[in-house]
Protein backbone atom coordinates (compact mmCIF):
# COMPACT_ATOMS: atom_id res chain seq x y z
CA MET A 1 0.00 0.00 0.00
CA GLU A 2 1.29 3.42 -0.97
CA PRO A 3 0.87 6.52 1.25
CA THR A 4 -1.24 8.17 -1.43
CA ASP A 5 -3.73 5.29 -1.20
CA ALA A 6 -4.76 6.46 2.30
CA LEU A 7 -7.25 9.05 1.08
CA LEU A 8 -10.20 10.52 2.91
CA PRO A 9 -13.63 9.62 1.54
CA PRO A 10 -14.74 12.18 -1.06
CA ALA A 11 -17.58 13.40 1.18
CA ASP A 12 -15.07 14.31 3.90
CA VAL A 13 -12.88 16.15 1.42
CA ALA A 14 -15.92 18.12 0.27
CA ARG A 15 -16.69 19.08 3.88
CA LEU A 16 -13.12 20.28 4.39
CA ARG A 17 -13.39 22.48 1.33
CA GLU A 18 -16.75 23.86 2.46
CA ARG A 19 -15.53 24.71 5.96
CA ALA A 20 -12.23 26.33 4.99
CA PRO A 21 -13.75 29.68 3.88
CA VAL A 22 -16.05 29.73 6.90
CA LEU A 23 -13.09 29.32 9.24
CA ALA A 24 -11.20 32.05 7.42
CA GLN A 25 -13.99 34.49 8.29
CA LEU A 26 -13.68 33.58 12.00
CA GLY A 27 -9.94 33.88 12.40
CA SER A 28 -9.69 37.37 13.87
CA LEU A 29 -11.20 39.56 16.58
CA ALA A 30 -10.31 42.71 14.63
CA GLY A 31 -13.79 43.40 13.28
CA GLU A 32 -15.28 41.62 10.30
CA ALA A 33 -12.71 39.65 8.37
CA ASP A 34 -12.74 40.39 4.66
CA ALA A 35 -12.72 37.49 2.26
CA ASP A 36 -9.21 37.49 0.83
CA PRO A 37 -9.44 35.62 -2.49
CA ALA A 38 -5.77 34.68 -2.41
CA ALA A 39 -6.03 33.33 1.14
CA LEU A 40 -9.21 31.41 0.30
CA ALA A 41 -7.48 29.84 -2.67
CA VAL A 42 -4.61 28.71 -0.45
CA LEU A 43 -7.03 27.21 2.08
CA ASP A 44 -8.87 25.37 -0.66
CA GLU A 45 -5.56 23.99 -1.89
CA LEU A 46 -4.79 22.92 1.68
CA ALA A 47 -8.12 21.10 1.96
CA VAL A 48 -7.33 19.22 -1.23
CA ARG A 49 -3.86 18.33 0.05
CA LEU A 50 -5.34 17.07 3.33
CA ALA A 51 -7.26 14.48 1.35
CA ASP A 52 -4.08 12.42 1.54
CA THR A 53 -4.77 11.64 5.20
CA TYR A 54 -6.11 8.60 6.99
CA PRO A 55 -9.70 8.91 8.26
CA TYR A 56 -8.69 9.23 11.90
CA HIS A 57 -12.23 10.30 12.86
CA ASP A 58 -13.87 7.15 11.50
CA TRP A 59 -14.22 3.64 12.94
CA HIS A 60 -12.39 2.29 9.88
CA TYR A 61 -9.20 3.73 11.36
CA ALA A 62 -7.95 1.59 14.24
CA GLY A 63 -4.22 1.85 13.70
CA GLN A 64 -2.12 4.29 15.70
CA MET A 65 -3.26 6.27 18.75
CA LEU A 66 -4.91 8.97 16.68
CA LYS A 67 -8.31 10.59 16.73
CA PRO A 68 -9.66 14.14 16.38
CA PRO A 69 -10.29 16.23 19.49
CA HIS A 70 -13.81 16.59 20.80
CA PRO A 71 -15.68 19.53 19.21
CA VAL A 72 -15.75 21.28 22.59
CA ALA A 73 -11.96 21.09 22.82
CA TRP A 74 -11.58 22.17 19.20
CA ALA A 75 -13.86 25.18 19.64
CA ALA A 76 -12.25 26.18 22.95
CA TYR A 77 -8.77 25.98 21.45
CA ALA A 78 -9.84 28.07 18.45
CA LEU A 79 -11.57 30.61 20.68
CA ALA A 80 -8.46 31.06 22.83
CA MET A 81 -6.29 31.21 19.70
CA LEU A 82 -8.08 34.41 18.71
CA LEU A 83 -6.01 35.90 21.54
CA ASN A 84 -3.05 33.46 21.34
CA PRO A 85 -2.06 33.54 25.05
CA ASN A 86 1.30 32.19 26.15
CA ASN A 87 1.28 30.24 29.41
CA HIS A 88 4.89 30.98 30.27
CA ALA A 89 4.46 34.12 32.36
CA LEU A 90 1.26 35.32 33.98
CA ASP A 91 1.09 38.45 31.86
CA GLY A 92 1.28 36.22 28.76
CA GLY A 93 -2.02 34.57 29.66
CA PRO A 94 -3.55 35.39 33.06
CA ALA A 95 -6.85 33.60 32.35
CA THR A 96 -5.39 30.53 30.69
CA ALA A 97 -2.63 30.22 33.32
CA ARG A 98 -5.32 29.91 35.98
CA MET A 99 -7.19 27.40 33.83
CA GLU A 100 -4.00 25.37 33.55
CA ARG A 101 -3.59 25.29 37.31
CA GLU A 102 -7.21 24.19 37.69
CA VAL A 103 -6.99 21.29 35.24
CA VAL A 104 -3.60 20.17 36.54
CA ALA A 105 -5.06 20.12 40.06
CA GLN A 106 -7.91 17.92 38.81
CA LEU A 107 -5.43 15.49 37.25
CA ALA A 108 -3.38 15.46 40.45
CA ARG A 109 -6.47 14.53 42.46
CA LEU A 110 -7.38 11.82 39.95
CA LEU A 111 -3.95 10.18 39.79
CA LEU A 112 -2.11 11.10 42.98
CA GLY A 113 -5.13 11.65 45.21
CA ARG A 114 -3.65 14.81 46.70
CA GLU A 115 -4.02 18.55 46.73
CA GLN A 116 -0.33 19.28 47.33
CA HIS A 117 1.59 18.76 44.11
CA LEU A 118 3.66 20.45 41.44
CA GLY A 119 2.71 20.11 37.79
CA HIS A 120 1.98 21.71 34.47
CA LEU A 121 0.92 20.95 30.92
CA THR A 122 3.53 20.17 28.28
CA SER A 123 3.61 19.91 24.51
CA SER A 124 3.65 16.10 24.63
CA GLY A 125 4.16 13.02 26.74
CA THR A 126 7.74 12.89 25.51
CA ILE A 127 8.50 16.31 26.97
CA ALA A 128 6.55 15.45 30.14
CA ASN A 129 8.71 12.34 30.60
CA LEU A 130 11.83 14.37 29.84
CA GLU A 131 10.92 16.74 32.67
CA ALA A 132 10.23 13.89 35.08
CA LEU A 133 13.56 12.27 34.26
CA PHE A 134 15.32 15.64 34.53
CA VAL A 135 14.01 16.04 38.08
CA ALA A 136 14.93 12.41 38.81
CA ARG A 137 18.49 13.10 37.65
CA GLU A 138 18.73 16.17 39.86
CA GLU A 139 17.32 14.28 42.84
CA ARG A 140 19.55 11.22 42.36
CA PRO A 141 22.62 12.35 40.40
CA GLY A 142 24.94 9.69 39.03
CA THR A 143 22.40 6.86 39.22
CA ARG A 144 20.73 4.62 36.66
CA VAL A 145 17.16 4.73 35.38
CA LEU A 146 15.29 1.45 34.86
CA SER A 147 12.28 0.98 32.60
CA GLY A 148 10.53 -2.08 31.26
CA ALA A 149 11.37 -3.66 27.92
CA ALA A 150 7.84 -2.76 26.77
CA ALA A 151 8.05 0.82 28.03
CA HIS A 152 7.91 3.62 25.49
CA TYR A 153 11.21 4.21 23.72
CA THR A 154 11.16 7.81 24.87
CA HIS A 155 12.68 6.86 28.21
CA ALA A 156 15.87 5.46 26.73
CA ARG A 157 16.07 8.42 24.34
CA MET A 158 15.50 11.04 27.02
CA CYS A 159 18.06 9.39 29.30
CA GLY A 160 20.49 9.79 26.42
CA VAL A 161 19.59 13.47 26.14
CA LEU A 162 20.11 13.91 29.88
CA GLY A 163 23.33 11.91 30.02
CA VAL A 164 21.80 9.33 32.37
CA GLU A 165 22.52 5.61 32.22
CA HIS A 166 19.45 3.61 31.24
CA THR A 167 18.76 -0.11 31.66
CA ALA A 168 15.83 -2.02 30.18
CA VAL A 169 14.17 -4.59 32.46
CA ALA A 170 12.76 -7.77 30.92
CA GLN A 171 9.02 -8.19 30.46
CA ASP A 172 6.86 -11.06 31.63
CA ALA A 173 4.64 -13.17 29.38
CA ALA A 174 1.85 -10.56 29.57
CA GLY A 175 4.07 -7.67 28.44
CA ARG A 176 4.49 -6.19 31.92
CA MET A 177 7.70 -5.40 33.77
CA ASP A 178 9.06 -8.64 35.22
CA LEU A 179 9.32 -8.32 38.99
CA ASP A 180 12.11 -10.86 39.40
CA ALA A 181 14.21 -9.10 36.75
CA LEU A 182 13.52 -5.75 38.44
CA ALA A 183 14.62 -7.13 41.80
CA VAL A 184 17.89 -8.34 40.27
CA GLU A 185 18.65 -4.88 38.86
CA LEU A 186 17.81 -3.18 42.14
CA ARG A 187 20.12 -5.53 44.03
CA ARG A 188 22.91 -4.65 41.60
CA GLY A 189 22.68 -1.13 42.96
CA GLY A 190 23.25 2.25 41.44
CA VAL A 191 19.59 2.74 40.60
CA GLY A 192 17.98 6.12 41.28
CA THR A 193 14.64 5.82 39.47
CA VAL A 194 12.32 3.10 38.22
CA VAL A 195 9.93 3.97 35.40
CA ALA A 196 6.76 1.88 35.51
CA THR A 197 4.16 1.93 32.73
CA VAL A 198 0.43 1.80 33.32
CA GLY A 199 -0.77 1.27 29.78
CA THR A 200 2.02 0.32 27.37
CA THR A 201 1.67 1.68 23.86
CA SER A 202 2.16 -1.74 22.28
CA LEU A 203 -0.39 -3.85 24.17
CA GLY A 204 -1.92 -1.51 26.74
CA ALA A 205 -0.33 -3.69 29.45
CA LEU A 206 -0.40 -2.58 33.08
CA ASP A 207 2.82 -3.03 35.03
CA PRO A 208 2.26 -4.56 38.52
CA LEU A 209 2.63 -1.14 40.08
CA GLY A 210 1.91 -2.01 43.70
CA ALA A 211 4.71 -4.59 43.81
CA ILE A 212 7.03 -2.24 41.92
CA ALA A 213 6.32 0.51 44.45
CA ASP A 214 7.14 -1.93 47.26
CA LEU A 215 10.50 -2.75 45.66
CA CYS A 216 11.25 0.95 45.14
CA ALA A 217 10.50 1.67 48.78
CA GLU A 218 12.66 -1.26 49.90
CA HIS A 219 15.64 0.00 47.89
CA ASP A 220 15.03 3.73 48.44
CA VAL A 221 14.50 4.38 44.74
CA ARG A 222 12.29 6.98 43.10
CA LEU A 223 9.20 5.78 41.22
CA HIS A 224 8.09 7.48 38.03
CA VAL A 225 4.84 6.29 36.41
CA ASP A 226 4.34 6.76 32.69
CA THR A 227 0.60 6.53 32.22
CA ALA A 228 0.52 8.77 29.16
CA TYR A 229 -1.82 6.36 27.39
CA GLY A 230 -3.57 4.59 30.22
CA GLY A 231 -4.00 7.26 32.88
CA PHE A 232 -7.58 8.27 32.14
CA PHE A 233 -8.68 4.62 32.50
CA THR A 234 -8.43 5.33 36.23
CA LEU A 235 -12.06 6.39 35.77
CA LEU A 236 -12.96 2.75 35.05
CA ALA A 237 -10.99 1.23 37.94
CA ASP A 238 -14.06 1.25 40.19
CA GLY A 239 -15.30 -2.34 40.00
CA ALA A 240 -18.09 -1.59 37.53
CA ALA A 241 -18.28 -2.97 34.00
CA PRO A 242 -16.66 -2.50 31.64
CA GLY A 243 -13.73 -1.96 33.91
CA VAL A 244 -10.00 -2.30 34.24
CA GLU A 245 -7.78 -3.90 36.85
CA ALA A 246 -7.99 -1.57 39.83
CA ALA A 247 -4.73 -2.28 41.68
CA PRO A 248 -2.24 -0.68 39.24
CA PHE A 249 -4.28 2.51 39.04
CA ALA A 250 -4.68 2.74 42.81
CA ALA A 251 -0.90 2.41 43.22
CA ILE A 252 -0.22 5.48 41.03
CA ALA A 253 -0.73 7.51 44.21
CA ARG A 254 2.58 6.10 45.47
CA ALA A 255 4.58 7.61 42.61
CA ASP A 256 7.06 10.45 42.91
CA SER A 257 6.10 11.66 39.44
CA VAL A 258 3.43 10.85 36.87
CA VAL A 259 2.89 11.62 33.19
CA ILE A 260 -0.49 11.61 31.44
CA ASP A 261 -1.42 12.71 27.91
CA PRO A 262 -4.75 14.53 27.56
CA HIS A 263 -4.22 14.50 23.79
CA LYS A 264 -4.83 10.76 23.84
CA HIS A 265 -7.85 9.76 25.93
CA GLY A 266 -8.51 13.29 27.21
CA LEU A 267 -10.14 14.31 23.89
CA GLN A 268 -7.57 17.06 23.28
CA PRO A 269 -5.76 18.24 20.15
CA TYR A 270 -2.03 17.76 19.83
CA GLY A 271 -0.06 18.65 21.80
CA CYS A 272 -1.16 18.37 25.36
CA GLY A 273 0.80 16.34 27.87
CA CYS A 274 1.06 16.75 31.63
CA VAL A 275 3.70 16.05 34.26
CA LEU A 276 2.89 15.84 37.97
CA PHE A 277 5.21 15.68 40.98
CA ALA A 278 4.06 14.52 44.40
CA ASP A 279 6.55 16.76 46.21
CA PRO A 280 6.21 20.47 45.32
CA ALA A 281 9.75 21.05 46.65
CA VAL A 282 11.24 19.59 43.46
CA GLY A 283 10.39 22.94 41.90
CA ARG A 284 13.80 24.10 43.14
CA HIS A 285 15.38 22.23 40.23
CA TYR A 286 13.62 24.56 37.79
CA VAL A 287 14.89 27.78 39.37
CA HIS A 288 16.10 30.27 36.78
CA ASP A 289 16.02 34.00 36.16
CA SER A 290 14.70 36.14 33.34
CA PRO A 291 15.29 39.91 33.58
CA TYR A 292 12.14 40.84 31.69
CA THR A 293 9.60 38.04 32.25
CA TYR A 294 8.39 37.38 35.79
CA PHE A 295 7.52 40.88 36.94
CA THR A 296 3.73 41.12 36.93
CA SER A 297 3.07 39.05 40.04
CA ASP A 298 4.77 37.57 43.07
CA GLU A 299 2.70 34.46 42.39
CA LEU A 300 4.64 31.54 40.89
CA HIS A 301 4.62 31.71 37.10
CA LEU A 302 4.18 28.45 35.16
CA GLY A 303 7.39 29.15 33.27
CA GLU A 304 9.25 28.94 36.56
CA ILE A 305 8.33 25.27 36.96
CA SER A 306 8.77 24.14 33.36
CA LEU A 307 11.66 23.38 31.03
CA GLU A 308 9.61 24.68 28.11
CA CYS A 309 9.27 28.41 27.67
CA SER A 310 6.50 29.49 25.31
CA ARG A 311 3.49 27.19 25.65
CA PRO A 312 0.01 27.65 24.15
CA GLY A 313 -2.54 28.94 26.62
CA ALA A 314 -5.10 27.60 24.14
CA ALA A 315 -4.17 24.05 25.21
CA ALA A 316 -5.13 24.85 28.80
CA ALA A 317 -8.36 26.50 27.66
CA ALA A 318 -9.32 23.47 25.57
CA LEU A 319 -8.69 21.01 28.40
CA TRP A 320 -10.49 23.26 30.89
CA ALA A 321 -13.58 23.46 28.67
CA THR A 322 -13.51 19.71 28.01
CA LEU A 323 -13.38 18.83 31.69
CA ARG A 324 -16.21 21.27 32.38
CA ARG A 325 -18.29 19.41 29.80
CA PHE A 326 -17.01 15.91 30.69
CA PRO A 327 -16.05 15.72 34.39
CA LEU A 328 -13.44 13.24 35.55
CA ASP A 329 -15.85 10.49 36.54
CA ARG A 330 -17.33 7.38 34.90
CA ALA A 331 -20.43 9.20 33.67
CA GLY A 332 -18.42 12.09 32.23
CA LEU A 333 -15.13 11.49 30.46
CA GLY A 334 -15.28 7.88 31.62
CA ALA A 335 -18.13 7.16 29.20
CA THR A 336 -15.79 7.51 26.21
CA LEU A 337 -13.26 5.20 27.84
CA ALA A 338 -15.96 2.67 28.70
CA ALA A 339 -16.95 2.54 25.04
CA ALA A 340 -13.33 1.95 24.02
CA ARG A 341 -12.81 -0.69 26.71
CA GLY A 342 -16.03 -2.46 25.78
CA ALA A 343 -15.05 -2.44 22.12
CA ALA A 344 -11.71 -4.11 22.90
CA LEU A 345 -13.31 -6.82 25.02
CA ASP A 346 -15.93 -7.51 22.35
CA LEU A 347 -13.47 -7.56 19.45
CA GLY A 348 -11.12 -9.83 21.37
CA ALA A 349 -13.94 -12.28 22.07
CA ARG A 350 -15.07 -12.26 18.44
CA VAL A 351 -11.55 -12.84 17.12
CA ARG A 352 -11.03 -15.80 19.46
CA ALA A 353 -14.41 -17.24 18.46
CA GLN A 354 -13.22 -17.19 14.84
CA GLY A 355 -10.30 -19.41 15.81
CA HIS A 356 -7.62 -16.73 15.85
CA VAL A 357 -5.28 -15.84 18.70
CA LEU A 358 -4.45 -12.72 20.71
CA VAL A 359 -0.92 -11.70 21.64
CA ALA A 360 -2.31 -11.00 25.13
CA GLU A 361 -5.70 -10.37 26.69
CA PRO A 362 -6.53 -6.68 26.22
CA GLN A 363 -6.06 -4.78 29.47
CA LEU A 364 -7.21 -1.45 28.03
CA ASP A 365 -8.44 -0.88 24.47
CA ILE A 366 -5.70 -2.41 22.29
CA VAL A 367 -6.30 -5.75 20.55
CA CYS A 368 -3.47 -7.61 18.76
CA PRO A 369 -4.72 -10.67 16.84
CA PHE A 370 -2.92 -13.19 14.67
CA PRO A 371 -3.88 -16.48 12.99
CA ARG A 372 -3.21 -19.78 14.72
CA LEU A 373 -0.51 -20.98 12.35
CA SER A 374 2.37 -23.27 13.21
CA SER A 375 5.39 -21.02 12.78
CA ALA A 376 6.56 -17.48 13.42
CA SER A 377 7.29 -16.89 9.74
CA ALA A 378 3.85 -18.12 8.67
CA VAL A 379 2.12 -15.84 11.17
CA SER A 380 4.15 -12.84 10.03
CA ALA A 381 3.44 -13.50 6.36
CA ALA A 382 -0.30 -13.88 7.02
CA CYS A 383 -0.47 -10.69 9.07
CA GLU A 384 1.50 -8.68 6.50
CA THR A 385 -0.95 -9.82 3.84
CA ALA A 386 -3.94 -9.16 6.07
CA PHE A 387 -2.72 -5.63 6.80
CA ASP A 388 -2.70 -4.86 3.08
CA ARG A 389 -6.04 -6.58 2.50
CA LEU A 390 -7.70 -4.54 5.23
CA ALA A 391 -6.28 -1.33 3.77
CA THR A 392 -7.79 -2.07 0.36
CA GLN A 393 -11.18 -2.18 2.13
CA GLY A 394 -10.52 1.18 3.77
CA ILE A 395 -9.85 -0.42 7.17
CA HIS A 396 -6.59 0.82 8.61
CA ALA A 397 -4.87 -1.27 11.28
CA ALA A 398 -1.32 -1.21 12.59
CA LYS A 399 1.32 -3.89 12.97
CA LEU A 400 3.12 -5.09 16.07
CA ARG A 401 6.51 -6.81 15.95
CA VAL A 402 7.51 -8.90 18.96
CA GLU A 403 10.32 -11.33 19.71
CA THR A 404 9.37 -14.91 18.94
CA ALA A 405 11.00 -16.21 22.12
CA TRP A 406 8.85 -13.87 24.19
CA LEU A 407 5.62 -14.75 22.34
CA ARG A 408 6.31 -18.47 22.81
CA ARG A 409 6.12 -17.99 26.58
CA SER A 410 2.35 -17.60 26.24
CA HIS A 411 1.94 -19.48 22.93
CA PRO A 412 4.41 -22.40 23.21
CA TRP A 413 3.01 -24.18 20.13
CA LEU A 414 4.54 -21.51 17.88
CA GLN A 415 7.65 -22.74 16.05
CA ASP A 416 10.56 -20.31 16.34
CA ASP A 417 11.77 -20.33 12.73
CA ALA A 418 12.24 -16.53 12.79
CA PRO A 419 13.53 -14.17 15.51
CA THR A 420 10.44 -11.96 15.45
CA VAL A 421 6.72 -12.24 14.76
CA THR A 422 4.53 -9.58 13.16
CA THR A 423 0.90 -9.44 14.26
CA LEU A 424 -1.98 -7.07 13.65
CA ARG A 425 -2.70 -4.33 16.17
CA HIS A 426 -5.98 -2.46 16.62
CA CYS A 427 -6.31 0.59 18.86
CA LEU A 428 -10.03 1.07 19.59
CA MET A 429 -9.91 4.48 21.23
CA LYS A 430 -12.97 6.06 19.58
CA PRO A 431 -16.55 5.52 20.85
CA GLU A 432 -17.53 4.68 17.26
CA HIS A 433 -15.49 1.50 17.46
CA ALA A 434 -17.95 0.05 19.97
CA LEU A 435 -20.67 0.16 17.30
CA HIS A 436 -18.70 -1.68 14.63
CA THR A 437 -16.83 -4.54 16.32
CA ALA A 438 -18.80 -7.17 14.38
CA GLU A 439 -17.84 -5.56 11.05
CA LEU A 440 -14.22 -5.17 12.14
CA ALA A 441 -14.02 -8.77 13.36
CA GLY A 442 -15.49 -10.02 10.08
CA ALA A 443 -12.98 -8.01 8.08
CA ILE A 444 -10.08 -9.31 10.19
CA ASP A 445 -11.26 -12.90 9.77
CA ALA A 446 -11.54 -12.51 6.00
CA ALA A 447 -8.16 -10.80 5.76
CA LEU A 448 -6.43 -13.55 7.75
CA ALA A 449 -8.09 -16.35 5.78
């Protein structure tokens, strides 16, 4: 499949072209905006160019962790962008700076269960994790950082940026950090921080966070929790159905730092990440001076607790408006996560009923199926073909490559005639997916035949 084959349906392209001139008329507060023919022509050209984009808004797209923001978030972002506030210093965005503090406090209560905290929004989960690891380095200089083999690659990369030694810890058969392997590394010594993942980006796996926190406490090691993808599923960790395993989410409160991405399951546009610290005193590591910036208030400016300087106040406004419309409970924002979780459970059950296999039972909303064939090479070939077959039907999945030796721990019948296995991967993060699991399962079955 070629990139140019991933085109939006013609009706969606037509809507883009219709809305471009309307948006052009709304893009300024300086009175009525005149229709600039040259600008309108450029926007129409842009709409045509955007046709070469996957339909991220539609149930047919279940590949990467992509979906449009909620209309409330979109409108709030656009409204704030008419002023373009900068949440670095208070005079750059007094209103949006206060909104940022409000939404960060809500996230701190959700994840850490506390009022006392330090935190702010970031441009992404990558930058949020960079800031958490920066503070970890300053708190425990000269020590190693451990993260699971299935953790996001950003941790190894950011440790490289920071000049910190990084060690990957083996995963268990379910794709979680292996506790025995972690204990071995901690006994080796020289560890300052353990990064646990609650919601891996490959499988949505939940590291056994309570036991990891126990080991960190035993060895006097900092605990950082990367829940960029999974954090909002805390809203479903209440024993009701559809739900998620409660223990890992409850243990997030024991972390020294946490990262969550509102631009994933928080219905936000890119980029909106968030980093939280349990101890506000770590703000001392951010101390810096600017001779012309922090003069309008004695109150702490957000730029004084962030590595980033200019940051869009519109991102804070969008998240603030979204959480006003969809509170952080099961009936509010949790309803969208419940739909995604239900879709994953239903698709997984349908795929198994067809005689296919899952890499692991879905713990959040990611389903990774493959055909029950005898060898690693046969599975990979079938999944590569199925990926292309699905795309020709307008159904866009992703692929997951795992080590054959690891997959054989849970599927011992698989012959290891190749070092890795490629499977399909479906990320069901849109509510629309819950309405189309039967169609998706049928398409997967036909593609794997």
